[in-house]
N, C-alpha and C. Protein backbone atom coordinates (compact mmCIF):
# COMPACT_ATOMS: atom_id res chain seq x y z
N UNK A 1 0.49 -1.13 -0.14
CA UNK A 1 -0.12 0.27 0.22
C UNK A 1 0.94 1.36 0.21
N UNK A 2 1.94 1.04 0.69
CA UNK A 2 2.85 2.38 0.70
C UNK A 2 3.54 2.77 -0.35
N UNK A 3 4.03 1.60 -1.02
CA UNK A 3 4.91 1.39 -2.48
C UNK A 3 3.58 2.13 -3.54
N UNK A 4 2.46 2.16 -3.37
CA UNK A 4 1.82 2.46 -4.40
C UNK A 4 1.07 3.72 -4.28
N UNK A 5 1.66 4.21 -2.70
CA UNK A 5 0.91 5.61 -2.77
C UNK A 5 2.57 7.13 -2.90
N UNK A 6 3.35 5.80 -2.44
CA UNK A 6 5.05 6.90 -3.12
C UNK A 6 4.68 6.77 -5.26
N UNK A 7 4.54 5.42 -5.50
CA UNK A 7 4.27 5.12 -7.37
C UNK A 7 3.62 6.24 -7.89
N UNK A 8 2.37 6.47 -6.80
CA UNK A 8 1.15 7.09 -7.23
C UNK A 8 1.84 8.82 -7.05
N UNK A 9 2.48 9.08 -5.95
CA UNK A 9 2.98 10.35 -5.91
C UNK A 9 4.38 10.90 -7.03
N UNK A 10 4.75 9.85 -7.55
CA UNK A 10 6.13 10.16 -8.41
C UNK A 10 5.44 10.58 -9.59
N UNK A 11 4.42 9.78 -9.74
CA UNK A 11 3.53 10.30 -11.34
C UNK A 11 2.87 11.35 -11.19
N UNK A 12 2.20 11.74 -10.46
CA UNK A 12 1.43 12.96 -10.35
C UNK A 12 2.41 13.99 -10.21
N UNK A 13 3.97 14.07 -9.77
CA UNK A 13 4.88 14.75 -9.62
C UNK A 13 5.29 15.02 -10.76
N UNK A 14 5.31 14.06 -11.61
CA UNK A 14 5.72 14.06 -13.01
C UNK A 14 4.72 14.82 -14.23
N UNK A 15 3.15 14.43 -13.91
CA UNK A 15 2.34 14.92 -15.19
C UNK A 15 2.04 16.28 -14.78
N UNK A 16 2.21 16.99 -15.89
CA UNK A 16 1.73 18.37 -16.16
C UNK A 16 0.57 19.09 -15.47
N UNK A 17 0.35 19.91 -15.07
CA UNK A 17 -0.81 20.43 -14.29
C UNK A 17 -1.31 21.67 -15.29
N UNK A 18 -2.08 21.77 -15.86
CA UNK A 18 -2.60 22.74 -16.55
C UNK A 18 -2.99 23.67 -16.01
N UNK A 19 -3.14 24.90 -16.22
CA UNK A 19 -3.84 26.35 -15.50
C UNK A 19 -4.71 26.46 -16.47
N UNK A 20 -5.54 27.23 -15.98
CA UNK A 20 -6.63 27.44 -16.50
C UNK A 20 -7.07 28.88 -16.86
N UNK A 21 -7.64 29.50 -17.85
CA UNK A 21 -8.07 30.96 -17.83
C UNK A 21 -9.17 31.17 -18.31
N UNK A 22 -9.69 31.81 -17.98
CA UNK A 22 -11.23 31.93 -19.13
C UNK A 22 -10.85 33.20 -19.36
N UNK A 23 -11.27 33.31 -21.19
CA UNK A 23 -11.16 34.62 -21.65
C UNK A 23 -12.46 34.81 -22.80
N UNK A 24 -12.59 36.33 -23.30
CA UNK A 24 -13.82 36.42 -24.01
C UNK A 24 -13.26 36.51 -25.50
N UNK A 25 -13.77 35.73 -25.90
CA UNK A 25 -13.43 35.40 -27.33
C UNK A 25 -13.74 36.09 -28.04
N UNK A 26 -13.84 36.98 -29.41
CA UNK A 26 -14.96 37.05 -30.48
C UNK A 26 -15.00 36.56 -31.58
N UNK A 27 -16.54 36.36 -31.54
CA UNK A 27 -16.90 35.96 -32.93
C UNK A 27 -17.95 35.84 -33.27
N UNK A 28 -17.99 36.23 -35.25
CA UNK A 28 -18.57 36.75 -35.84
C UNK A 28 -19.73 35.98 -36.35
N UNK A 29 -20.91 36.45 -36.51
CA UNK A 29 -22.07 35.46 -37.27
C UNK A 29 -23.08 36.61 -37.77
N UNK A 30 -23.17 35.85 -39.18
CA UNK A 30 -24.31 36.32 -40.09
C UNK A 30 -25.62 36.28 -39.90
N UNK A 31 -26.58 37.26 -39.80
CA UNK A 31 -27.80 36.39 -39.71
C UNK A 31 -28.88 37.19 -41.05
N UNK A 32 -30.20 36.71 -41.23
CA UNK A 32 -30.77 37.29 -41.97
C UNK A 32 -31.43 38.92 -41.77
N UNK A 33 -31.21 39.61 -42.40
CA UNK A 33 -32.19 41.04 -41.92
C UNK A 33 -33.27 40.92 -41.36
N UNK A 34 -33.64 41.15 -40.41
CA UNK A 34 -35.23 40.93 -39.72
C UNK A 34 -36.16 41.65 -40.65
N UNK A 35 -37.31 41.10 -40.30
CA UNK A 35 -38.41 41.95 -40.88
C UNK A 35 -38.24 43.00 -41.14
N UNK A 36 -38.56 44.13 -42.13
CA UNK A 36 -38.55 45.40 -42.12
C UNK A 36 -40.02 45.73 -42.47
N UNK A 37 -39.92 47.35 -42.22
CA UNK A 37 -41.16 48.20 -42.22
C UNK A 37 -40.62 49.43 -42.81
N UNK A 38 -41.27 50.05 -43.49
CA UNK A 38 -40.77 51.55 -43.84
C UNK A 38 -40.60 53.01 -42.62
N UNK A 39 -39.52 53.23 -43.31
CA UNK A 39 -39.70 54.54 -42.22
C UNK A 39 -40.20 55.79 -42.16
N UNK A 40 -40.46 56.15 -40.99
CA UNK A 40 -41.42 56.96 -40.45
C UNK A 40 -40.38 58.60 -40.56
N UNK A 41 -41.18 59.07 -40.91
CA UNK A 41 -40.88 60.94 -40.76
C UNK A 41 -40.03 61.37 -40.03
N UNK A 42 -40.70 60.64 -38.55
CA UNK A 42 -39.71 61.56 -37.69
C UNK A 42 -38.43 60.35 -37.19
N UNK A 43 -37.96 59.82 -37.76
CA UNK A 43 -36.76 58.54 -38.10
C UNK A 43 -36.17 59.32 -39.40
N UNK A 44 -36.50 59.58 -40.28
CA UNK A 44 -36.24 60.05 -41.30
C UNK A 44 -35.22 61.24 -41.42
N UNK A 45 -35.77 62.51 -40.47
CA UNK A 45 -34.83 63.67 -40.40
C UNK A 45 -33.50 63.24 -39.39
N UNK A 46 -33.54 62.06 -38.06
CA UNK A 46 -32.61 61.81 -37.86
C UNK A 46 -31.67 61.12 -38.50
N UNK A 47 -32.24 60.08 -38.79
CA UNK A 47 -31.34 59.43 -40.07
C UNK A 47 -30.75 60.02 -41.45
N UNK A 48 -31.75 61.46 -41.44
CA UNK A 48 -30.53 62.23 -42.65
C UNK A 48 -29.28 62.82 -41.95
N UNK A 49 -29.80 63.35 -40.88
CA UNK A 49 -28.26 63.94 -40.24
C UNK A 49 -27.51 63.57 -39.69
N UNK A 50 -27.67 61.72 -39.49
CA UNK A 50 -26.69 60.89 -39.44
C UNK A 50 -25.49 60.64 -40.68
N UNK A 51 -26.43 61.03 -42.14
CA UNK A 51 -25.52 60.14 -43.21
C UNK A 51 -24.78 61.43 -43.31
N UNK A 52 -23.67 60.97 -44.28
CA UNK A 52 -22.62 61.88 -45.02
C UNK A 52 -23.08 62.37 -46.21
N UNK A 53 -23.98 61.53 -46.86
CA UNK A 53 -24.51 61.78 -48.20
C UNK A 53 -26.26 61.78 -47.98
N UNK A 54 -26.84 62.70 -49.06
CA UNK A 54 -28.41 62.43 -48.65
C UNK A 54 -28.98 61.19 -49.32
N UNK A 55 -30.07 60.93 -48.46
CA UNK A 55 -30.67 60.27 -48.26
C UNK A 55 -32.09 60.37 -49.64
N UNK A 56 -31.71 59.65 -50.70
CA UNK A 56 -32.89 60.39 -51.85
C UNK A 56 -34.44 59.15 -51.81
N UNK A 57 -33.63 58.10 -51.52
CA UNK A 57 -34.78 56.84 -52.22
C UNK A 57 -35.47 56.63 -51.10
N UNK A 58 -36.86 55.60 -51.11
CA UNK A 58 -37.43 55.11 -49.65
C UNK A 58 -36.98 54.51 -48.77
N UNK A 59 -36.75 54.37 -47.56
CA UNK A 59 -35.82 54.06 -46.68
C UNK A 59 -36.85 52.93 -45.84
N UNK A 60 -36.17 51.29 -45.72
CA UNK A 60 -36.72 50.72 -44.63
C UNK A 60 -35.84 50.63 -43.36
N UNK A 61 -36.62 50.01 -41.99
CA UNK A 61 -35.91 50.13 -40.92
C UNK A 61 -36.41 48.64 -40.68
N UNK A 62 -34.90 47.54 -40.28
CA UNK A 62 -35.13 46.84 -39.90
C UNK A 62 -34.48 46.69 -38.19
N UNK A 63 -35.62 45.58 -37.59
CA UNK A 63 -35.29 45.76 -35.77
C UNK A 63 -35.51 44.40 -35.43
N UNK A 64 -34.57 43.57 -34.86
CA UNK A 64 -34.39 42.55 -33.62
C UNK A 64 -33.62 42.31 -32.26
N UNK A 65 -34.18 41.88 -31.84
CA UNK A 65 -33.58 41.72 -30.46
C UNK A 65 -32.67 40.36 -30.51
N UNK A 66 -31.33 40.51 -29.84
CA UNK A 66 -30.96 39.00 -30.05
C UNK A 66 -30.87 38.53 -28.21
N UNK A 67 -30.58 37.48 -28.83
CA UNK A 67 -30.47 36.48 -27.35
C UNK A 67 -29.38 36.40 -26.46
N UNK A 68 -28.35 37.01 -27.05
CA UNK A 68 -27.23 36.86 -26.73
C UNK A 68 -26.61 38.51 -26.77
N UNK A 69 -25.87 38.93 -25.93
CA UNK A 69 -25.59 40.82 -26.45
C UNK A 69 -24.42 40.30 -27.68
N UNK A 70 -23.86 41.33 -28.09
CA UNK A 70 -23.22 41.71 -29.25
C UNK A 70 -22.56 43.04 -29.16
N UNK A 71 -21.22 43.45 -29.34
CA UNK A 71 -20.51 44.26 -29.13
C UNK A 71 -20.13 45.18 -30.17
N UNK A 72 -20.03 44.52 -31.68
CA UNK A 72 -20.14 45.08 -32.94
C UNK A 72 -21.28 44.80 -33.94
N UNK A 73 -21.77 45.67 -34.91
CA UNK A 73 -22.90 45.37 -36.01
C UNK A 73 -22.29 46.01 -37.09
N UNK A 74 -22.69 45.22 -38.36
CA UNK A 74 -22.37 45.26 -39.47
C UNK A 74 -23.60 45.01 -40.22
N UNK A 75 -23.61 45.37 -41.60
CA UNK A 75 -23.75 44.94 -42.97
C UNK A 75 -23.36 44.32 -44.12
N UNK A 76 -23.48 42.99 -44.14
CA UNK A 76 -22.92 42.43 -45.48
C UNK A 76 -23.72 42.82 -46.92
N UNK A 77 -23.81 42.95 -47.58
CA UNK A 77 -24.57 42.99 -49.38
C UNK A 77 -23.69 41.82 -50.37
N UNK A 78 -24.53 41.54 -51.29
CA UNK A 78 -24.20 40.98 -52.33
C UNK A 78 -23.71 42.06 -53.60
N UNK A 79 -24.02 43.36 -53.37
CA UNK A 79 -23.86 44.08 -54.26
C UNK A 79 -23.26 45.34 -53.17
N UNK A 80 -22.94 46.52 -53.67
CA UNK A 80 -22.51 47.74 -53.12
C UNK A 80 -24.32 48.13 -53.17
N UNK A 81 -24.22 48.91 -51.89
CA UNK A 81 -26.06 49.37 -51.25
C UNK A 81 -25.71 51.04 -52.11
N UNK A 82 -26.89 50.99 -52.35
CA UNK A 82 -27.43 52.17 -53.40
C UNK A 82 -27.10 53.58 -52.59
N UNK A 83 -27.35 53.53 -50.88
CA UNK A 83 -27.14 54.44 -50.51
C UNK A 83 -26.61 54.19 -48.98
N UNK A 84 -26.47 54.89 -48.00
CA UNK A 84 -25.79 54.79 -46.66
C UNK A 84 -26.91 53.66 -46.02
N UNK A 85 -26.15 53.10 -45.36
CA UNK A 85 -26.69 52.55 -43.84
C UNK A 85 -26.49 52.67 -42.75
N UNK A 86 -27.12 52.57 -42.05
CA UNK A 86 -27.45 53.26 -40.76
C UNK A 86 -27.71 52.56 -39.73
N UNK A 87 -27.31 52.45 -38.05
CA UNK A 87 -27.57 51.61 -37.35
C UNK A 87 -27.85 52.30 -35.63
N UNK A 88 -28.74 51.87 -35.09
CA UNK A 88 -28.71 52.18 -33.46
C UNK A 88 -28.81 50.91 -32.83
N UNK A 89 -28.87 50.98 -31.41
CA UNK A 89 -28.99 50.05 -30.70
C UNK A 89 -29.54 51.12 -29.36
N UNK A 90 -30.27 50.35 -28.36
CA UNK A 90 -31.18 50.67 -27.54
C UNK A 90 -30.19 50.44 -26.02
N UNK A 91 -29.94 51.56 -25.65
CA UNK A 91 -29.05 51.70 -24.59
C UNK A 91 -29.56 50.70 -23.07
N UNK A 92 -28.70 50.96 -22.17
CA UNK A 92 -29.36 50.44 -21.27
C UNK A 92 -30.33 51.15 -20.69
N UNK A 93 -30.59 52.41 -20.64
CA UNK A 93 -31.72 52.63 -19.78
C UNK A 93 -33.16 52.81 -20.90
N UNK A 94 -32.98 52.15 -21.66
CA UNK A 94 -34.38 52.09 -22.71
C UNK A 94 -34.03 52.79 -24.06
N UNK A 95 -33.82 53.65 -24.10
CA UNK A 95 -33.69 55.11 -24.98
C UNK A 95 -32.82 54.48 -26.29
N UNK A 96 -33.16 54.50 -27.29
CA UNK A 96 -32.35 54.67 -28.11
C UNK A 96 -31.31 55.50 -28.87
N UNK A 97 -30.32 54.92 -28.92
CA UNK A 97 -29.00 55.94 -29.58
C UNK A 97 -29.07 56.40 -30.40
N UNK A 98 -28.23 57.73 -30.77
CA UNK A 98 -28.16 58.02 -31.91
C UNK A 98 -28.12 56.99 -33.26
N UNK A 99 -28.67 57.70 -34.63
CA UNK A 99 -28.21 57.18 -35.56
C UNK A 99 -26.96 56.95 -35.97
N UNK A 100 -26.09 56.13 -36.62
CA UNK A 100 -24.52 55.71 -36.86
C UNK A 100 -24.55 55.43 -38.11
N UNK A 101 -23.95 56.33 -38.80
CA UNK A 101 -23.72 55.68 -40.30
C UNK A 101 -22.60 54.46 -40.34
N UNK A 102 -22.97 53.49 -41.23
CA UNK A 102 -22.04 52.18 -41.00
C UNK A 102 -20.87 52.66 -42.45
N UNK A 103 -19.84 52.74 -41.83
CA UNK A 103 -19.06 53.51 -43.17
C UNK A 103 -19.14 52.45 -44.50
N UNK A 104 -18.42 52.66 -45.33
CA UNK A 104 -18.33 51.57 -46.35
C UNK A 104 -16.90 51.64 -47.21
N UNK A 105 -16.06 50.94 -46.84
CA UNK A 105 -14.83 51.20 -47.23
C UNK A 105 -13.88 50.18 -48.52
N UNK A 106 -14.15 50.20 -49.90
CA UNK A 106 -13.83 49.67 -50.98
C UNK A 106 -12.37 49.28 -51.04
N UNK A 107 -11.51 50.26 -50.38
CA UNK A 107 -10.60 49.93 -50.38
C UNK A 107 -9.91 48.62 -49.22
N UNK A 108 -10.34 48.26 -48.39
CA UNK A 108 -9.96 47.04 -47.55
C UNK A 108 -10.46 46.18 -48.32
N UNK A 109 -9.75 44.91 -47.79
CA UNK A 109 -10.67 43.56 -48.12
C UNK A 109 -9.83 42.95 -49.37
N UNK A 110 -10.40 42.57 -49.94
CA UNK A 110 -9.76 41.46 -51.65
C UNK A 110 -9.10 41.94 -52.47
N UNK A 111 -7.93 42.03 -53.27
CA UNK A 111 -7.86 42.71 -54.01
C UNK A 111 -8.80 42.30 -55.53
N UNK A 112 -9.38 43.52 -56.06
CA UNK A 112 -10.64 43.63 -57.36
C UNK A 112 -9.76 42.20 -58.19
N UNK A 113 -10.29 41.23 -58.89
CA UNK A 113 -10.25 40.51 -59.72
C UNK A 113 -9.16 39.01 -59.03
N UNK A 114 -9.59 38.94 -57.34
CA UNK A 114 -8.28 38.09 -57.79
C UNK A 114 -9.56 36.71 -56.87
N UNK A 115 -10.46 36.95 -56.74
CA UNK A 115 -11.93 36.15 -56.60
C UNK A 115 -12.01 35.64 -55.18
N UNK A 116 -11.11 36.88 -54.01
CA UNK A 116 -11.45 36.64 -52.59
C UNK A 116 -12.48 37.12 -52.41
N UNK A 117 -13.08 36.61 -52.04
CA UNK A 117 -14.23 37.68 -50.94
C UNK A 117 -15.16 37.88 -52.07
N UNK A 118 -15.83 37.20 -53.27
CA UNK A 118 -16.16 37.39 -54.45
C UNK A 118 -17.35 37.72 -54.28
N UNK A 119 -18.46 38.83 -54.53
CA UNK A 119 -19.59 38.66 -54.35
C UNK A 119 -20.41 39.25 -52.81
N UNK A 120 -19.43 39.84 -51.83
CA UNK A 120 -19.56 40.06 -50.48
C UNK A 120 -18.93 41.59 -50.37
N UNK A 121 -20.14 42.20 -50.03
CA UNK A 121 -19.28 43.45 -49.39
C UNK A 121 -20.01 43.94 -48.49
N UNK A 122 -19.06 44.29 -47.55
CA UNK A 122 -19.48 44.86 -46.08
C UNK A 122 -19.32 46.09 -45.58
N UNK A 123 -19.95 46.79 -44.45
CA UNK A 123 -19.76 47.87 -43.92
C UNK A 123 -18.62 47.43 -43.12
N UNK A 124 -18.06 48.58 -42.37
CA UNK A 124 -16.78 48.82 -41.41
C UNK A 124 -17.96 47.91 -40.39
N UNK A 125 -17.66 47.21 -39.31
CA UNK A 125 -18.12 47.02 -38.02
C UNK A 125 -18.64 48.69 -36.71
N UNK A 126 -19.60 48.79 -36.55
CA UNK A 126 -19.45 49.72 -35.58
C UNK A 126 -19.42 49.07 -34.08
N UNK A 127 -18.99 49.68 -33.31
CA UNK A 127 -18.45 49.30 -31.82
C UNK A 127 -20.38 49.60 -31.05
N UNK A 128 -20.65 48.92 -30.44
CA UNK A 128 -21.59 49.40 -29.90
C UNK A 128 -21.87 49.24 -28.63
N UNK A 129 -20.50 48.78 -27.91
CA UNK A 129 -20.21 48.38 -26.19
C UNK A 129 -21.16 46.84 -26.52
N UNK A 130 -22.14 46.71 -25.68
CA UNK A 130 -22.99 45.59 -25.36
C UNK A 130 -24.20 45.83 -25.49
N UNK A 131 -24.78 45.37 -26.29
CA UNK A 131 -26.16 45.52 -27.19
C UNK A 131 -27.18 44.02 -27.23
N UNK A 132 -28.09 44.11 -26.98
CA UNK A 132 -28.94 42.86 -27.27
C UNK A 132 -30.05 43.45 -28.44
N UNK A 133 -30.59 44.96 -28.58
CA UNK A 133 -31.71 45.31 -29.70
C UNK A 133 -30.93 46.27 -30.59
N UNK A 134 -30.91 46.48 -31.90
CA UNK A 134 -30.60 47.14 -32.86
C UNK A 134 -31.87 47.25 -33.93
N UNK A 135 -31.73 48.68 -34.47
CA UNK A 135 -32.17 49.01 -35.77
C UNK A 135 -31.20 48.99 -36.92
N UNK A 136 -31.63 48.74 -37.70
CA UNK A 136 -30.72 49.54 -39.16
C UNK A 136 -31.90 49.92 -39.91
N UNK A 137 -31.11 51.10 -40.80
CA UNK A 137 -32.08 51.94 -41.78
C UNK A 137 -31.19 51.29 -43.39
N UNK A 138 -31.54 51.09 -44.15
CA UNK A 138 -31.24 51.12 -45.52
C UNK A 138 -32.01 51.53 -46.41
N UNK A 139 -31.78 51.54 -48.14
CA UNK A 139 -32.49 52.00 -48.98
C UNK A 139 -33.50 50.57 -48.90
N UNK A 140 -34.52 50.88 -49.48
CA UNK A 140 -35.69 49.97 -49.98
C UNK A 140 -34.87 48.85 -50.82
N UNK A 141 -34.25 49.31 -51.64
CA UNK A 141 -33.82 48.41 -52.79
C UNK A 141 -32.72 47.91 -52.39
N UNK A 142 -32.34 48.08 -51.13
CA UNK A 142 -30.97 47.15 -50.96
C UNK A 142 -31.43 45.96 -49.54
N UNK A 143 -32.79 45.77 -49.06
CA UNK A 143 -33.04 45.15 -48.24
C UNK A 143 -32.97 43.34 -48.30
N UNK A 144 -33.17 43.23 -49.99
CA UNK A 144 -33.05 41.75 -50.82
C UNK A 144 -31.83 41.91 -50.41
N UNK A 145 -30.44 42.58 -50.63
CA UNK A 145 -29.18 41.60 -50.92
C UNK A 145 -28.54 41.84 -49.14
N UNK A 146 -29.53 42.39 -48.36
CA UNK A 146 -28.79 42.34 -47.32
C UNK A 146 -28.56 41.47 -45.90
N UNK A 147 -27.42 40.99 -45.39
CA UNK A 147 -27.64 40.37 -44.34
C UNK A 147 -27.00 41.10 -42.88
N UNK A 148 -27.07 41.28 -41.72
CA UNK A 148 -26.77 41.69 -40.59
C UNK A 148 -25.00 40.78 -40.04
N UNK A 149 -23.97 41.54 -39.81
CA UNK A 149 -23.20 40.76 -39.55
C UNK A 149 -22.90 41.11 -37.69
N UNK A 150 -23.27 40.31 -36.69
CA UNK A 150 -23.06 40.80 -35.49
C UNK A 150 -21.69 40.28 -34.78
N UNK A 151 -21.09 40.91 -34.40
CA UNK A 151 -19.30 40.10 -33.82
C UNK A 151 -19.97 39.86 -31.90
N UNK A 152 -20.41 38.74 -31.78
CA UNK A 152 -20.26 38.46 -30.18
C UNK A 152 -18.94 38.24 -29.64
N UNK A 153 -19.17 37.75 -28.25
CA UNK A 153 -18.22 37.63 -27.64
C UNK A 153 -18.84 36.30 -26.29
N UNK A 154 -17.87 35.39 -26.45
CA UNK A 154 -18.21 34.21 -25.34
C UNK A 154 -17.24 33.98 -24.55
N UNK A 155 -17.39 33.35 -23.74
CA UNK A 155 -16.23 33.14 -22.51
C UNK A 155 -15.77 31.57 -22.59
N UNK A 156 -14.86 31.43 -22.85
CA UNK A 156 -13.97 29.97 -23.14
C UNK A 156 -12.93 29.71 -21.97
N UNK A 157 -12.84 28.55 -21.74
CA UNK A 157 -12.13 28.20 -20.60
C UNK A 157 -10.87 28.08 -21.32
N UNK A 158 -9.20 28.13 -21.35
CA UNK A 158 -8.79 27.72 -21.87
C UNK A 158 -7.73 27.67 -21.28
N UNK A 159 -6.36 26.62 -21.78
CA UNK A 159 -5.56 26.09 -20.80
C UNK A 159 -4.22 27.47 -21.47
N UNK A 160 -3.83 28.00 -20.44
CA UNK A 160 -2.53 29.48 -20.62
C UNK A 160 -1.32 28.68 -20.38
N UNK A 161 -1.43 27.65 -19.41
CA UNK A 161 0.14 26.97 -18.93
C UNK A 161 0.36 25.87 -18.69
N UNK A 162 0.96 25.39 -19.08
CA UNK A 162 1.13 23.64 -18.31
C UNK A 162 2.40 22.81 -18.03
N UNK A 163 2.87 22.72 -16.71
CA UNK A 163 3.73 22.10 -16.21
C UNK A 163 3.73 21.56 -15.41
N UNK A 164 5.01 20.48 -15.27
CA UNK A 164 5.17 19.65 -14.10
C UNK A 164 5.04 19.97 -13.04
N UNK A 165 4.20 19.33 -12.05
CA UNK A 165 4.58 19.28 -10.57
C UNK A 165 5.95 19.79 -10.28
N UNK A 166 6.68 19.19 -10.70
CA UNK A 166 8.33 19.09 -10.41
C UNK A 166 8.80 20.15 -10.73
N UNK A 167 8.70 21.28 -11.76
CA UNK A 167 8.96 22.32 -12.23
C UNK A 167 8.39 23.58 -12.15
N UNK A 168 7.20 23.37 -11.43
CA UNK A 168 6.02 24.12 -11.01
C UNK A 168 6.93 24.98 -10.15
N UNK A 169 7.61 24.01 -8.89
CA UNK A 169 8.38 24.80 -7.74
C UNK A 169 9.16 25.17 -7.73
N UNK A 170 9.76 25.08 -9.10
CA UNK A 170 11.32 26.14 -9.70
C UNK A 170 10.87 27.31 -9.90
N UNK A 171 11.75 28.34 -9.20
CA UNK A 171 10.74 29.71 -9.29
C UNK A 171 11.98 29.84 -10.70
N UNK A 172 11.13 31.10 -11.67
CA UNK A 172 11.61 31.58 -12.72
C UNK A 172 12.97 32.29 -12.93
N UNK A 173 14.05 32.04 -13.54
CA UNK A 173 15.25 32.33 -13.48
C UNK A 173 15.06 34.36 -13.76
N UNK A 174 14.04 34.76 -14.29
CA UNK A 174 14.06 36.45 -13.87
C UNK A 174 13.03 36.95 -13.24
């Protein structure tokens, strides 16, 4: 019995002991554009103030509540949108944030003619902190080609270091 305890002690001293850490890891999801409704006059004024370019066509608003919070939002299209895309989120106090234009940069991303990312154009993601509800405003002509891109965070337990019990007792040389 004593021999078995000694053997187990030696084995456990040589086995690596993992050290775990919980990290918030971002991941992206693309979801269908929620059901839309026509933008009302009071929204159009606020949207026009937020957009750098004039809003000339009919606009629609898509709204959704997500089961998990997200930290960034963007929109992906099959082709370049015809007008600016705007987003806002519900604040912690229940009010809506200001409308923010989602920037589009055709300079970023795959080189033209390479086949990379063929057929996908996306806005730059907008940092929103932590939100569970959003509204998007886009041209009515663009709603059939749009998808919502959300960046969420999830806690992951990961091994950050693994050393044997024998080595764990040796102080670092620096």
